[in-house]
Amino acid sequence: MTKEKPVEHEKKTVTIYINGTAKQVQKEQLSYEDIVLLAFSVPPGGENLQVTVQYSRGHSSKPKGTLVEGQSVEIKEGMEFDVTATNRS
């Protein structure tokens, strides 16, 4: 009798849009930090810097909203993110 290997679930690739640019991701959830890294090849820095992450076209339970550090969101095909870096004064 041979042992069968456990079935590994293949991760599904979905297309999301960050600041209008298509990005392919294989995660079911993305954190605030993941999205900022996808938005900026070199993440902006600075003492008074604030990065705002807003999303739309999400799942029906929460189709749009805002993420802050430490939060995550469930990803859906075609979801849109607007990521903006601003200086606080």
C-alpha atoms as a PDB file:
ATOM      1  CA  MET A   1       0.000   0.000   0.000  1.00  0.00           C
ATOM      2  CA  THR A   2       1.410   3.403  -0.941  1.00  0.00           C
ATOM      3  CA  LYS A   3       0.871   6.601   0.938  1.00  0.00           C
ATOM      4  CA  GLU A   4      -0.701   9.374  -1.025  1.00  0.00           C
ATOM      5  CA  LYS A   5       0.742  12.837  -0.698  1.00  0.00           C
ATOM      6  CA  PRO A   6      -1.625  15.379   0.819  1.00  0.00           C
ATOM      7  CA  VAL A   7      -3.333  17.491  -1.790  1.00  0.00           C
ATOM      8  CA  GLU A   8      -1.845  20.961  -1.854  1.00  0.00           C
ATOM      9  CA  HIS A   9      -4.247  23.692  -2.785  1.00  0.00           C
ATOM     10  CA  GLU A  10      -2.826  25.696  -5.650  1.00  0.00           C
ATOM     11  CA  LYS A  11      -2.883  29.390  -4.883  1.00  0.00           C
ATOM     12  CA  LYS A  12      -5.061  31.325  -7.262  1.00  0.00           C
ATOM     13  CA  THR A  13      -3.538  34.380  -8.931  1.00  0.00           C
ATOM     14  CA  VAL A  14      -5.758  37.438  -9.025  1.00  0.00           C
ATOM     15  CA  THR A  15      -5.285  40.851 -10.582  1.00  0.00           C
ATOM     16  CA  ILE A  16      -5.689  43.899  -8.381  1.00  0.00           C
ATOM     17  CA  TYR A  17      -5.084  47.541  -9.256  1.00  0.00           C
ATOM     18  CA  ILE A  18      -2.891  49.811  -7.171  1.00  0.00           C
ATOM     19  CA  ASN A  19      -2.946  53.463  -8.211  1.00  0.00           C
ATOM     20  CA  GLY A  20      -4.247  52.311 -11.604  1.00  0.00           C
ATOM     21  CA  THR A  21      -1.466  49.761 -12.196  1.00  0.00           C
ATOM     22  CA  ALA A  22      -2.343  46.069 -12.498  1.00  0.00           C
ATOM     23  CA  LYS A  23      -0.565  43.789 -10.008  1.00  0.00           C
ATOM     24  CA  GLN A  24      -0.730  39.991  -9.852  1.00  0.00           C
ATOM     25  CA  VAL A  25      -0.977  38.527  -6.337  1.00  0.00           C
ATOM     26  CA  GLN A  26      -1.361  34.995  -5.036  1.00  0.00           C
ATOM     27  CA  LYS A  27      -2.553  35.799  -1.546  1.00  0.00           C
ATOM     28  CA  GLU A  28      -6.078  35.647  -0.221  1.00  0.00           C
ATOM     29  CA  GLN A  29      -5.368  38.570   2.094  1.00  0.00           C
ATOM     30  CA  LEU A  30      -3.032  41.545   1.929  1.00  0.00           C
ATOM     31  CA  SER A  31      -1.911  43.676   4.824  1.00  0.00           C
ATOM     32  CA  TYR A  32      -1.545  47.444   4.846  1.00  0.00           C
ATOM     33  CA  GLU A  33       2.224  46.915   4.685  1.00  0.00           C
ATOM     34  CA  ASP A  34       1.942  44.520   1.682  1.00  0.00           C
ATOM     35  CA  ILE A  35      -0.105  47.070  -0.244  1.00  0.00           C
ATOM     36  CA  VAL A  36       2.299  49.938   0.509  1.00  0.00           C
ATOM     37  CA  LEU A  37       5.201  47.793  -0.768  1.00  0.00           C
ATOM     38  CA  LEU A  38       3.260  46.974  -3.945  1.00  0.00           C
ATOM     39  CA  ALA A  39       2.476  50.678  -4.472  1.00  0.00           C
ATOM     40  CA  PHE A  40       6.018  52.005  -4.080  1.00  0.00           C
ATOM     41  CA  SER A  41       9.182  50.292  -5.331  1.00  0.00           C
ATOM     42  CA  VAL A  42      10.990  52.291  -2.643  1.00  0.00           C
ATOM     43  CA  PRO A  43       8.601  52.955   0.250  1.00  0.00           C
ATOM     44  CA  PRO A  44       8.515  56.631   1.144  1.00  0.00           C
ATOM     45  CA  GLY A  45       9.970  57.599   4.490  1.00  0.00           C
ATOM     46  CA  GLY A  46      10.134  60.564   6.745  1.00  0.00           C
ATOM     47  CA  GLU A  47       9.255  61.722  10.195  1.00  0.00           C
ATOM     48  CA  ASN A  48       5.941  63.322   9.283  1.00  0.00           C
ATOM     49  CA  LEU A  49       4.945  60.950   6.497  1.00  0.00           C
ATOM     50  CA  GLN A  50       1.501  59.381   6.453  1.00  0.00           C
ATOM     51  CA  VAL A  51       0.445  56.757   3.888  1.00  0.00           C
ATOM     52  CA  THR A  52      -3.270  56.411   3.220  1.00  0.00           C
ATOM     53  CA  VAL A  53      -4.628  53.151   1.752  1.00  0.00           C
ATOM     54  CA  GLN A  54      -8.191  53.190   0.439  1.00  0.00           C
ATOM     55  CA  TYR A  55      -9.811  50.335  -1.441  1.00  0.00           C
ATOM     56  CA  SER A  56     -12.923  49.714  -3.511  1.00  0.00           C
ATOM     57  CA  ARG A  57     -14.543  46.847  -5.429  1.00  0.00           C
ATOM     58  CA  GLY A  58     -13.953  44.522  -2.477  1.00  0.00           C
ATOM     59  CA  HIS A  59     -16.105  41.657  -1.230  1.00  0.00           C
ATOM     60  CA  SER A  60     -19.807  42.348  -0.761  1.00  0.00           C
ATOM     61  CA  SER A  61     -19.483  42.308   3.028  1.00  0.00           C
ATOM     62  CA  LYS A  62     -17.157  45.346   2.859  1.00  0.00           C
ATOM     63  CA  PRO A  63     -16.826  46.608  -0.722  1.00  0.00           C
ATOM     64  CA  LYS A  64     -14.846  49.736   0.185  1.00  0.00           C
ATOM     65  CA  GLY A  65     -12.883  51.112   3.069  1.00  0.00           C
ATOM     66  CA  THR A  66      -9.598  52.380   4.447  1.00  0.00           C
ATOM     67  CA  LEU A  67      -6.699  50.393   5.903  1.00  0.00           C
ATOM     68  CA  VAL A  68      -4.297  51.524   8.610  1.00  0.00           C
ATOM     69  CA  GLU A  69      -1.091  49.931   9.865  1.00  0.00           C
ATOM     70  CA  GLY A  70      -1.707  46.444  11.223  1.00  0.00           C
ATOM     71  CA  GLN A  71      -4.930  45.845   9.275  1.00  0.00           C
ATOM     72  CA  SER A  72      -5.530  43.416   6.390  1.00  0.00           C
ATOM     73  CA  VAL A  73      -8.208  42.961   3.762  1.00  0.00           C
ATOM     74  CA  GLU A  74      -9.481  39.922   1.862  1.00  0.00           C
ATOM     75  CA  ILE A  75      -8.508  40.201  -1.807  1.00  0.00           C
ATOM     76  CA  LYS A  76     -10.888  39.896  -4.755  1.00  0.00           C
ATOM     77  CA  GLU A  77     -10.276  39.889  -8.525  1.00  0.00           C
ATOM     78  CA  GLY A  78     -10.376  43.456  -9.870  1.00  0.00           C
ATOM     79  CA  MET A  79     -10.112  45.115  -6.473  1.00  0.00           C
ATOM     80  CA  GLU A  80      -8.767  48.679  -6.587  1.00  0.00           C
ATOM     81  CA  PHE A  81      -6.441  50.422  -4.153  1.00  0.00           C
ATOM     82  CA  ASP A  82      -5.471  54.096  -3.920  1.00  0.00           C
ATOM     83  CA  VAL A  83      -2.246  54.560  -1.967  1.00  0.00           C
ATOM     84  CA  THR A  84      -1.178  58.122  -1.190  1.00  0.00           C
ATOM     85  CA  ALA A  85       1.825  59.387   0.736  1.00  0.00           C
ATOM     86  CA  THR A  86       1.466  62.812   2.377  1.00  0.00           C
ATOM     87  CA  ASN A  87       3.390  64.880   4.906  1.00  0.00           C
ATOM     88  CA  ARG A  88       1.553  65.737   8.091  1.00  0.00           C
ATOM     89  CA  SER A  89       2.029  69.243   9.369  1.00  0.00           C
END
